[in-house]
Amino acid sequence: PPPAAPQPAAPQPAAAEPETVEEAPTLSNTTEVQRAVARNYPPLLRDAGVSGRARVRFAVREDGTVDPASIAVLDATRDAFGDAAKRVLRAARYHPARVNGRAVRVSVTTSFVWGSQEG
């Protein structure tokens, strides 16, 4: 028989906006994420002394993991820094956001910086 047609991805549940939750998500593995930032500094840019940043938006799921399909680079000084930020988020773990004591999916926006950035 012919191979089955790919099934459409299940729709992702909507993520709450940060201002609607009682407890915002907090990073639970800061040291690991700091190491991931250093490890993912684009080598050619690091070796050339080029610093940069990336601002990303993503969803933190109820279990505190980042939903990889939700990651969006909002802006980056160079594309390589946006790609690096996506890789860093694979290592991130959060204490989930809560509403009425229940863990909920929530949108988060954050920035990562490589090298020295003024302002």
Protein backbone atom coordinates (compact mmCIF):
# COMPACT_ATOMS: atom_id res chain seq x y z
CA PRO A 1 0.00 0.00 0.00
CA PRO A 2 1.13 3.59 -0.55
CA PRO A 3 2.65 5.37 2.44
CA ALA A 4 0.16 7.14 4.64
CA ALA A 5 -0.19 10.85 4.08
CA PRO A 6 1.38 12.93 6.83
CA GLN A 7 -1.09 14.00 9.44
CA PRO A 8 -1.35 17.70 10.26
CA ALA A 9 0.27 18.67 13.53
CA ALA A 10 -2.08 18.93 16.45
CA PRO A 11 -2.85 22.56 17.23
CA GLN A 12 -0.80 23.90 20.11
CA PRO A 13 -2.80 25.03 23.13
CA ALA A 14 -2.89 28.78 23.52
CA ALA A 15 -0.33 30.16 25.92
CA ALA A 16 -1.39 32.59 28.62
CA GLU A 17 0.12 36.04 28.53
CA PRO A 18 2.49 36.77 31.44
CA GLU A 19 0.26 39.47 32.91
CA THR A 20 -2.62 36.99 33.32
CA VAL A 21 -0.82 34.51 35.57
CA GLU A 22 -0.52 34.68 39.35
CA GLU A 23 2.99 33.20 39.41
CA ALA A 24 5.30 33.89 36.49
CA PRO A 25 7.59 31.10 35.31
CA THR A 26 11.10 31.24 36.74
CA LEU A 27 14.21 29.63 35.31
CA SER A 28 15.13 26.61 37.43
CA ASN A 29 18.52 25.77 35.87
CA THR A 30 20.25 29.13 35.55
CA THR A 31 23.80 27.73 35.71
CA GLU A 32 23.10 25.21 32.94
CA VAL A 33 21.56 27.92 30.74
CA GLN A 34 24.55 30.23 31.35
CA ARG A 35 26.84 27.39 30.21
CA ALA A 36 24.64 26.82 27.15
CA VAL A 37 24.89 30.52 26.24
CA ALA A 38 28.70 30.33 26.42
CA ARG A 39 28.78 27.02 24.53
CA ASN A 40 26.54 28.37 21.76
CA TYR A 41 28.44 31.61 21.09
CA PRO A 42 28.83 31.40 17.30
CA PRO A 43 32.56 30.50 16.93
CA LEU A 44 33.37 32.78 13.99
CA LEU A 45 31.74 35.74 15.74
CA ARG A 46 33.39 34.93 19.09
CA ASP A 47 36.82 34.58 17.46
CA ALA A 48 36.33 37.89 15.63
CA GLY A 49 35.33 39.61 18.90
CA VAL A 50 31.80 40.32 17.63
CA SER A 51 29.25 40.66 20.42
CA GLY A 52 25.53 40.43 19.93
CA ARG A 53 22.12 39.59 21.30
CA ALA A 54 18.88 37.88 20.40
CA ARG A 55 15.39 38.49 21.73
CA VAL A 56 13.09 35.46 21.61
CA ARG A 57 9.49 34.61 22.47
CA PHE A 58 8.44 31.08 23.36
CA ALA A 59 5.96 29.07 25.40
CA VAL A 60 6.82 27.42 28.68
CA ARG A 61 4.67 24.31 29.05
CA GLU A 62 2.92 23.14 32.19
CA ASP A 63 5.85 20.82 32.97
CA GLY A 64 8.35 23.72 32.79
CA THR A 65 9.91 22.74 29.46
CA VAL A 66 10.12 25.08 26.46
CA ASP A 67 7.90 24.12 23.53
CA PRO A 68 10.44 24.05 20.66
CA ALA A 69 7.71 24.68 18.05
CA SER A 70 6.81 27.94 19.78
CA ILE A 71 10.25 29.58 19.63
CA ALA A 72 10.31 32.77 17.57
CA VAL A 73 13.30 35.08 17.20
CA LEU A 74 11.87 38.60 17.54
CA ASP A 75 15.13 40.30 16.67
CA ALA A 76 18.84 39.56 16.70
CA THR A 77 21.93 41.59 15.91
CA ARG A 78 22.93 38.73 13.56
CA ASP A 79 21.06 35.64 12.40
CA ALA A 80 23.70 33.41 14.04
CA PHE A 81 22.76 34.84 17.46
CA GLY A 82 19.08 34.07 16.84
CA ASP A 83 19.98 30.48 15.93
CA ALA A 84 22.16 30.23 19.04
CA ALA A 85 19.29 31.46 21.24
CA LYS A 86 17.06 28.69 19.88
CA ARG A 87 19.72 26.12 20.82
CA VAL A 88 20.12 27.61 24.31
CA LEU A 89 16.37 27.29 24.94
CA ARG A 90 16.59 23.51 24.45
CA ALA A 91 18.47 23.40 27.77
CA ALA A 92 16.15 25.77 29.67
CA ARG A 93 13.88 24.43 32.39
CA TYR A 94 11.39 26.54 34.31
CA HIS A 95 9.25 26.40 37.38
CA PRO A 96 5.96 26.74 35.48
CA ALA A 97 3.57 29.66 35.64
CA ARG A 98 0.53 29.15 37.85
CA VAL A 99 -3.08 30.28 37.89
CA ASN A 100 -5.22 29.26 40.88
CA GLY A 101 -2.35 27.03 42.00
CA ARG A 102 -2.42 25.07 38.72
CA ALA A 103 0.53 24.99 36.31
CA VAL A 104 -0.33 26.65 32.97
CA ARG A 105 1.34 27.18 29.61
CA VAL A 106 2.58 30.77 29.27
CA SER A 107 4.35 32.95 26.72
CA VAL A 108 7.76 34.31 27.70
CA THR A 109 9.98 36.90 26.02
CA THR A 110 13.65 37.09 26.96
CA SER A 111 17.00 38.16 25.57
CA PHE A 112 20.36 36.45 25.41
CA VAL A 113 23.61 38.41 25.13
CA TRP A 114 27.00 37.25 23.88
CA GLY A 115 30.12 39.33 24.52
CA SER A 116 29.85 42.81 25.95
CA GLN A 117 26.80 44.78 24.93
CA GLU A 118 26.37 48.40 25.90
CA GLY A 119 22.80 49.44 26.68
